[in-house]
Amino acid sequence: EYMRKPTRFALIVTGPAFYKIYNNQQLEYKFFKLMQNCEVMLACRVSPLQKQEFVSLVRKYSPNEATLAIGDGANDVNMITGAHVGVGIKGVEGQQASRSSDYSIGAVSYTHLRAHETGRNLVCRLLLEKKK
């Protein structure tokens, strides 16, 4: 029997792009179907409300699936409380996320990432490294 190696996809979406998607019923559903084929989704430059809307989108189109949200600051509280299971990370940004979550963990260390890189720069560097 022929076994095809599974293809792994990641999706990166920005706040302005998600705004256009979330306010259009047809695009919203197509976006959800695209998300289902991805192993991971990264959102950059999104508002706290949009973080919650990502969770709401999954809950809307896949009501029998459990959602998990992980965050480390006050801007993640709505997303954490909107998910079935919320995990708050204690750390530099304070305790709001861990207080509003179902589970709380200590600060996470990503030693392979440079501390000064965040958001768009980090994603670009990781994508370029992956191509090598």
N, C-alpha and C. Protein backbone atom coordinates (compact mmCIF):
# COMPACT_ATOMS: atom_id res chain seq x y z
N GLU A 1 0.84 -1.18 0.00
CA GLU A 1 0.00 0.00 0.00
C GLU A 1 0.88 1.24 0.00
N TYR A 2 0.54 2.16 -0.84
CA TYR A 2 1.31 3.40 -0.97
C TYR A 2 0.93 4.36 0.16
N MET A 3 1.94 4.79 0.91
CA MET A 3 1.71 5.75 1.99
C MET A 3 2.36 7.07 1.61
N ARG A 4 1.56 8.06 1.42
CA ARG A 4 2.07 9.38 1.08
C ARG A 4 2.53 10.10 2.32
N LYS A 5 3.69 10.71 2.25
CA LYS A 5 4.21 11.47 3.37
C LYS A 5 3.32 12.70 3.58
N PRO A 6 2.85 12.93 4.81
CA PRO A 6 1.98 14.08 5.04
C PRO A 6 2.73 15.39 4.82
N THR A 7 2.05 16.32 4.21
CA THR A 7 2.61 17.64 3.98
C THR A 7 2.24 18.52 5.16
N ARG A 8 3.19 19.30 5.63
CA ARG A 8 2.96 20.15 6.78
C ARG A 8 2.87 21.60 6.32
N PHE A 9 1.79 22.27 6.70
CA PHE A 9 1.56 23.65 6.31
C PHE A 9 1.48 24.53 7.54
N ALA A 10 1.90 25.77 7.37
CA ALA A 10 1.73 26.80 8.39
C ALA A 10 1.04 27.98 7.72
N LEU A 11 0.23 28.68 8.47
CA LEU A 11 -0.50 29.84 7.95
C LEU A 11 -0.12 31.05 8.77
N ILE A 12 0.24 32.13 8.09
CA ILE A 12 0.56 33.38 8.77
C ILE A 12 -0.45 34.41 8.28
N VAL A 13 -1.12 35.06 9.21
CA VAL A 13 -2.12 36.05 8.85
C VAL A 13 -1.90 37.32 9.67
N THR A 14 -2.10 38.46 9.03
CA THR A 14 -1.96 39.74 9.71
C THR A 14 -3.33 40.26 10.15
N GLY A 15 -3.31 41.20 11.07
CA GLY A 15 -4.56 41.79 11.55
C GLY A 15 -5.41 42.41 10.45
N PRO A 16 -4.82 43.26 9.59
CA PRO A 16 -5.62 43.85 8.50
C PRO A 16 -6.21 42.81 7.55
N ALA A 17 -5.47 41.75 7.26
CA ALA A 17 -6.00 40.69 6.39
C ALA A 17 -7.15 39.96 7.07
N PHE A 18 -6.98 39.66 8.36
CA PHE A 18 -8.04 38.96 9.08
C PHE A 18 -9.30 39.82 9.21
N TYR A 19 -9.13 41.11 9.31
CA TYR A 19 -10.28 42.02 9.38
C TYR A 19 -11.15 41.87 8.14
N LYS A 20 -10.51 41.82 6.97
CA LYS A 20 -11.26 41.66 5.71
C LYS A 20 -11.92 40.29 5.63
N ILE A 21 -11.24 39.27 6.13
CA ILE A 21 -11.77 37.91 6.09
C ILE A 21 -12.96 37.77 7.03
N TYR A 22 -12.81 38.26 8.26
CA TYR A 22 -13.82 38.05 9.30
C TYR A 22 -15.12 38.79 9.00
N ASN A 23 -15.08 39.82 8.22
CA ASN A 23 -16.28 40.59 7.90
C ASN A 23 -16.92 40.17 6.58
N ASN A 24 -16.53 39.01 6.06
CA ASN A 24 -17.08 38.50 4.82
C ASN A 24 -17.40 37.02 5.03
N GLN A 25 -18.68 36.67 5.01
CA GLN A 25 -19.12 35.32 5.33
C GLN A 25 -18.46 34.24 4.47
N GLN A 26 -18.35 34.49 3.15
CA GLN A 26 -17.75 33.49 2.26
C GLN A 26 -16.27 33.33 2.54
N LEU A 27 -15.55 34.45 2.70
CA LEU A 27 -14.12 34.37 2.99
C LEU A 27 -13.87 33.73 4.35
N GLU A 28 -14.74 34.01 5.30
CA GLU A 28 -14.60 33.46 6.65
C GLU A 28 -14.60 31.93 6.61
N TYR A 29 -15.54 31.37 5.88
CA TYR A 29 -15.63 29.91 5.81
C TYR A 29 -14.43 29.33 5.05
N LYS A 30 -14.03 29.97 3.96
CA LYS A 30 -12.87 29.49 3.20
C LYS A 30 -11.60 29.56 4.05
N PHE A 31 -11.49 30.61 4.84
CA PHE A 31 -10.35 30.76 5.73
C PHE A 31 -10.34 29.66 6.78
N PHE A 32 -11.50 29.35 7.31
CA PHE A 32 -11.60 28.26 8.28
C PHE A 32 -11.16 26.94 7.66
N LYS A 33 -11.61 26.65 6.45
CA LYS A 33 -11.22 25.41 5.77
C LYS A 33 -9.69 25.38 5.53
N LEU A 34 -9.12 26.53 5.21
CA LEU A 34 -7.67 26.61 5.05
C LEU A 34 -6.97 26.33 6.37
N MET A 35 -7.48 26.89 7.46
CA MET A 35 -6.89 26.67 8.78
C MET A 35 -6.90 25.19 9.15
N GLN A 36 -7.93 24.48 8.75
CA GLN A 36 -8.02 23.06 9.07
C GLN A 36 -6.89 22.24 8.45
N ASN A 37 -6.34 22.72 7.34
CA ASN A 37 -5.26 22.00 6.66
C ASN A 37 -3.88 22.39 7.16
N CYS A 38 -3.82 23.25 8.15
CA CYS A 38 -2.54 23.73 8.65
C CYS A 38 -2.21 23.11 10.00
N GLU A 39 -0.93 22.89 10.18
CA GLU A 39 -0.47 22.35 11.45
C GLU A 39 -0.39 23.46 12.50
N VAL A 40 -0.10 24.66 12.04
CA VAL A 40 0.03 25.79 12.96
C VAL A 40 -0.41 27.06 12.25
N MET A 41 -0.92 27.99 13.02
CA MET A 41 -1.28 29.29 12.48
C MET A 41 -0.65 30.37 13.34
N LEU A 42 0.01 31.32 12.70
CA LEU A 42 0.61 32.44 13.39
C LEU A 42 -0.16 33.71 13.02
N ALA A 43 -0.46 34.50 14.01
CA ALA A 43 -1.14 35.76 13.79
C ALA A 43 -0.22 36.88 14.25
N CYS A 44 0.02 37.83 13.39
CA CYS A 44 0.88 38.95 13.78
C CYS A 44 0.15 40.27 13.53
N ARG A 45 0.42 41.20 14.40
CA ARG A 45 -0.20 42.52 14.35
C ARG A 45 -1.73 42.42 14.41
N VAL A 46 -2.21 41.62 15.36
CA VAL A 46 -3.65 41.49 15.56
C VAL A 46 -4.04 42.12 16.89
N SER A 47 -5.26 42.59 16.95
CA SER A 47 -5.76 43.21 18.17
C SER A 47 -6.23 42.13 19.14
N PRO A 48 -6.40 42.49 20.41
CA PRO A 48 -6.94 41.51 21.37
C PRO A 48 -8.30 40.96 20.94
N LEU A 49 -9.14 41.80 20.35
CA LEU A 49 -10.44 41.34 19.87
C LEU A 49 -10.28 40.32 18.75
N GLN A 50 -9.34 40.55 17.84
CA GLN A 50 -9.12 39.61 16.74
C GLN A 50 -8.61 38.26 17.26
N LYS A 51 -7.83 38.28 18.33
CA LYS A 51 -7.38 37.01 18.91
C LYS A 51 -8.57 36.19 19.37
N GLN A 52 -9.53 36.85 19.98
CA GLN A 52 -10.74 36.16 20.42
C GLN A 52 -11.55 35.70 19.20
N GLU A 53 -11.57 36.49 18.14
CA GLU A 53 -12.33 36.14 16.94
C GLU A 53 -11.77 34.90 16.26
N PHE A 54 -10.45 34.67 16.33
CA PHE A 54 -9.87 33.43 15.80
C PHE A 54 -10.48 32.23 16.51
N VAL A 55 -10.54 32.30 17.82
CA VAL A 55 -11.12 31.21 18.61
C VAL A 55 -12.60 31.06 18.29
N SER A 56 -13.32 32.16 18.19
CA SER A 56 -14.75 32.13 17.89
C SER A 56 -15.02 31.51 16.53
N LEU A 57 -14.14 31.78 15.57
CA LEU A 57 -14.29 31.24 14.23
C LEU A 57 -14.22 29.71 14.25
N VAL A 58 -13.26 29.18 14.98
CA VAL A 58 -13.14 27.72 15.09
C VAL A 58 -14.35 27.14 15.81
N ARG A 59 -14.77 27.79 16.88
CA ARG A 59 -15.93 27.30 17.62
C ARG A 59 -17.21 27.35 16.79
N LYS A 60 -17.31 28.33 15.92
CA LYS A 60 -18.50 28.49 15.07
C LYS A 60 -18.61 27.37 14.03
N TYR A 61 -17.51 27.11 13.32
CA TYR A 61 -17.56 26.15 12.22
C TYR A 61 -17.21 24.72 12.64
N SER A 62 -16.71 24.55 13.82
CA SER A 62 -16.35 23.22 14.29
C SER A 62 -16.77 23.09 15.76
N PRO A 63 -18.07 23.09 16.02
CA PRO A 63 -18.56 23.14 17.40
C PRO A 63 -18.21 21.92 18.25
N ASN A 64 -17.87 20.80 17.64
CA ASN A 64 -17.53 19.60 18.40
C ASN A 64 -16.05 19.48 18.72
N GLU A 65 -15.26 20.41 18.23
CA GLU A 65 -13.82 20.40 18.48
C GLU A 65 -13.50 21.29 19.68
N ALA A 66 -12.52 20.88 20.45
CA ALA A 66 -12.08 21.69 21.59
C ALA A 66 -11.04 22.71 21.11
N THR A 67 -11.10 23.90 21.67
CA THR A 67 -10.14 24.94 21.33
C THR A 67 -9.20 25.18 22.50
N LEU A 68 -7.97 25.52 22.18
CA LEU A 68 -6.95 25.82 23.17
C LEU A 68 -6.34 27.16 22.82
N ALA A 69 -6.25 28.04 23.80
CA ALA A 69 -5.61 29.34 23.61
C ALA A 69 -4.52 29.51 24.66
N ILE A 70 -3.37 29.97 24.21
CA ILE A 70 -2.24 30.18 25.11
C ILE A 70 -1.79 31.63 24.98
N GLY A 71 -1.67 32.30 26.10
CA GLY A 71 -1.25 33.69 26.07
C GLY A 71 -0.46 34.08 27.29
N ASP A 72 0.21 35.24 27.18
CA ASP A 72 1.09 35.65 28.28
C ASP A 72 0.83 37.06 28.80
N GLY A 73 -0.21 37.71 28.34
CA GLY A 73 -0.43 39.08 28.79
C GLY A 73 -1.90 39.46 28.82
N ALA A 74 -2.16 40.69 29.26
CA ALA A 74 -3.53 41.18 29.37
C ALA A 74 -4.23 41.20 28.01
N ASN A 75 -3.46 41.41 26.94
CA ASN A 75 -4.06 41.44 25.61
C ASN A 75 -4.52 40.06 25.13
N ASP A 76 -4.19 39.01 25.87
CA ASP A 76 -4.59 37.65 25.51
C ASP A 76 -5.78 37.13 26.32
N VAL A 77 -6.24 37.91 27.28
CA VAL A 77 -7.29 37.44 28.20
C VAL A 77 -8.56 37.04 27.47
N ASN A 78 -9.05 37.88 26.53
CA ASN A 78 -10.28 37.55 25.81
C ASN A 78 -10.14 36.25 25.02
N MET A 79 -9.00 36.05 24.41
CA MET A 79 -8.76 34.83 23.65
C MET A 79 -8.75 33.62 24.58
N ILE A 80 -8.08 33.76 25.71
CA ILE A 80 -7.98 32.66 26.68
C ILE A 80 -9.35 32.28 27.23
N THR A 81 -10.15 33.27 27.58
CA THR A 81 -11.47 32.98 28.14
C THR A 81 -12.46 32.53 27.08
N GLY A 82 -12.19 32.84 25.82
CA GLY A 82 -13.08 32.41 24.74
C GLY A 82 -12.88 30.98 24.30
N ALA A 83 -11.75 30.39 24.67
CA ALA A 83 -11.44 29.02 24.28
C ALA A 83 -12.00 28.03 25.30
N HIS A 84 -12.13 26.78 24.89
CA HIS A 84 -12.55 25.74 25.82
C HIS A 84 -11.53 25.59 26.94
N VAL A 85 -10.25 25.61 26.57
CA VAL A 85 -9.17 25.49 27.54
C VAL A 85 -8.22 26.66 27.34
N GLY A 86 -7.96 27.39 28.40
CA GLY A 86 -7.06 28.53 28.33
C GLY A 86 -5.83 28.30 29.19
N VAL A 87 -4.67 28.63 28.63
CA VAL A 87 -3.41 28.49 29.35
C VAL A 87 -2.75 29.85 29.42
N GLY A 88 -2.46 30.28 30.63
CA GLY A 88 -1.78 31.55 30.83
C GLY A 88 -0.33 31.31 31.20
N ILE A 89 0.55 32.09 30.60
CA ILE A 89 1.98 31.98 30.89
C ILE A 89 2.38 33.13 31.80
N LYS A 90 2.91 32.79 32.94
CA LYS A 90 3.41 33.81 33.86
C LYS A 90 4.72 34.34 33.31
N GLY A 91 4.87 35.64 33.35
CA GLY A 91 6.13 36.16 32.85
C GLY A 91 6.21 37.66 32.90
N VAL A 92 6.95 38.20 31.95
CA VAL A 92 7.27 39.62 31.91
C VAL A 92 6.03 40.49 31.80
N GLU A 93 5.03 40.06 31.06
CA GLU A 93 3.86 40.90 30.82
C GLU A 93 2.86 40.91 31.98
N GLY A 94 3.15 40.23 33.03
CA GLY A 94 2.28 40.28 34.19
C GLY A 94 1.52 38.99 34.42
N GLN A 95 0.49 39.11 35.27
CA GLN A 95 -0.24 37.93 35.73
C GLN A 95 -1.66 37.82 35.17
N GLN A 96 -2.11 38.80 34.38
CA GLN A 96 -3.50 38.80 33.94
C GLN A 96 -3.88 37.53 33.18
N ALA A 97 -3.03 37.10 32.28
CA ALA A 97 -3.33 35.90 31.49
C ALA A 97 -3.42 34.67 32.38
N SER A 98 -2.48 34.53 33.30
CA SER A 98 -2.49 33.33 34.15
C SER A 98 -3.65 33.35 35.12
N ARG A 99 -4.09 34.54 35.54
CA ARG A 99 -5.23 34.62 36.46
C ARG A 99 -6.56 34.28 35.78
N SER A 100 -6.67 34.58 34.50
CA SER A 100 -7.93 34.35 33.80
C SER A 100 -7.98 33.00 33.09
N SER A 101 -6.94 32.20 33.22
CA SER A 101 -6.86 30.94 32.48
C SER A 101 -7.31 29.75 33.31
N ASP A 102 -7.53 28.65 32.61
CA ASP A 102 -7.85 27.40 33.28
C ASP A 102 -6.60 26.78 33.89
N TYR A 103 -5.48 26.96 33.18
CA TYR A 103 -4.20 26.43 33.63
C TYR A 103 -3.16 27.53 33.51
N SER A 104 -2.19 27.49 34.39
CA SER A 104 -1.13 28.50 34.37
C SER A 104 0.22 27.80 34.42
N ILE A 105 1.13 28.28 33.59
CA ILE A 105 2.48 27.71 33.58
C ILE A 105 3.49 28.83 33.77
N GLY A 106 4.70 28.45 34.16
CA GLY A 106 5.77 29.42 34.34
C GLY A 106 6.25 29.94 33.00
N ALA A 107 7.13 30.90 33.05
CA ALA A 107 7.68 31.49 31.83
C ALA A 107 8.31 30.42 30.95
N VAL A 108 8.12 30.56 29.66
CA VAL A 108 8.67 29.61 28.70
C VAL A 108 9.93 30.21 28.10
N SER A 109 10.96 29.42 27.98
CA SER A 109 12.22 29.90 27.44
C SER A 109 12.42 29.33 26.03
N TYR A 110 12.65 30.22 25.09
CA TYR A 110 12.95 29.81 23.73
C TYR A 110 14.40 30.23 23.45
N THR A 111 15.32 29.41 23.85
CA THR A 111 16.73 29.77 23.74
C THR A 111 17.19 29.83 22.30
N HIS A 112 16.50 29.17 21.39
CA HIS A 112 16.92 29.20 19.99
C HIS A 112 16.47 30.46 19.28
N LEU A 113 15.65 31.28 19.91
CA LEU A 113 15.20 32.53 19.32
C LEU A 113 15.98 33.68 19.92
N ARG A 114 16.26 34.66 19.13
CA ARG A 114 16.96 35.84 19.63
C ARG A 114 15.98 36.72 20.38
N ALA A 115 16.39 37.20 21.52
CA ALA A 115 15.50 37.96 22.40
C ALA A 115 14.99 39.25 21.76
N HIS A 116 15.76 39.86 20.89
CA HIS A 116 15.35 41.14 20.31
C HIS A 116 14.44 40.98 19.10
N GLU A 117 14.22 39.77 18.65
CA GLU A 117 13.37 39.56 17.49
C GLU A 117 11.95 39.23 17.91
N THR A 118 11.02 39.94 17.35
CA THR A 118 9.62 39.67 17.64
C THR A 118 8.81 39.81 16.35
N GLY A 119 7.63 39.29 16.39
CA GLY A 119 6.66 39.50 15.31
C GLY A 119 7.18 39.21 13.93
N ARG A 120 7.02 40.17 13.06
CA ARG A 120 7.31 40.02 11.63
C ARG A 120 8.77 39.63 11.38
N ASN A 121 9.72 40.29 12.08
CA ASN A 121 11.14 39.97 11.87
C ASN A 121 11.45 38.53 12.22
N LEU A 122 10.90 38.04 13.30
CA LEU A 122 11.13 36.67 13.73
C LEU A 122 10.57 35.68 12.72
N VAL A 123 9.35 35.92 12.27
CA VAL A 123 8.72 35.02 11.30
C VAL A 123 9.53 34.97 10.02
N CYS A 124 9.98 36.13 9.54
CA CYS A 124 10.78 36.17 8.31
C CYS A 124 12.08 35.40 8.48
N ARG A 125 12.76 35.56 9.61
CA ARG A 125 14.02 34.86 9.83
C ARG A 125 13.80 33.35 9.88
N LEU A 126 12.75 32.92 10.60
CA LEU A 126 12.49 31.49 10.71
C LEU A 126 12.14 30.88 9.36
N LEU A 127 11.39 31.62 8.54
CA LEU A 127 11.05 31.11 7.21
C LEU A 127 12.28 31.01 6.33
N LEU A 128 13.17 31.99 6.42
CA LEU A 128 14.39 31.95 5.62
C LEU A 128 15.30 30.82 6.05
N GLU A 129 15.39 30.58 7.37
CA GLU A 129 16.21 29.48 7.86
C GLU A 129 15.67 28.14 7.40
N LYS A 130 14.35 28.03 7.33
CA LYS A 130 13.70 26.78 6.93
C LYS A 130 14.05 26.43 5.47
N LYS A 131 14.22 27.45 4.61
CA LYS A 131 14.50 27.22 3.20
C LYS A 131 15.90 26.70 2.96
N LYS A 132 16.83 26.99 3.88
CA LYS A 132 18.23 26.57 3.69
C LYS A 132 18.39 25.08 3.75
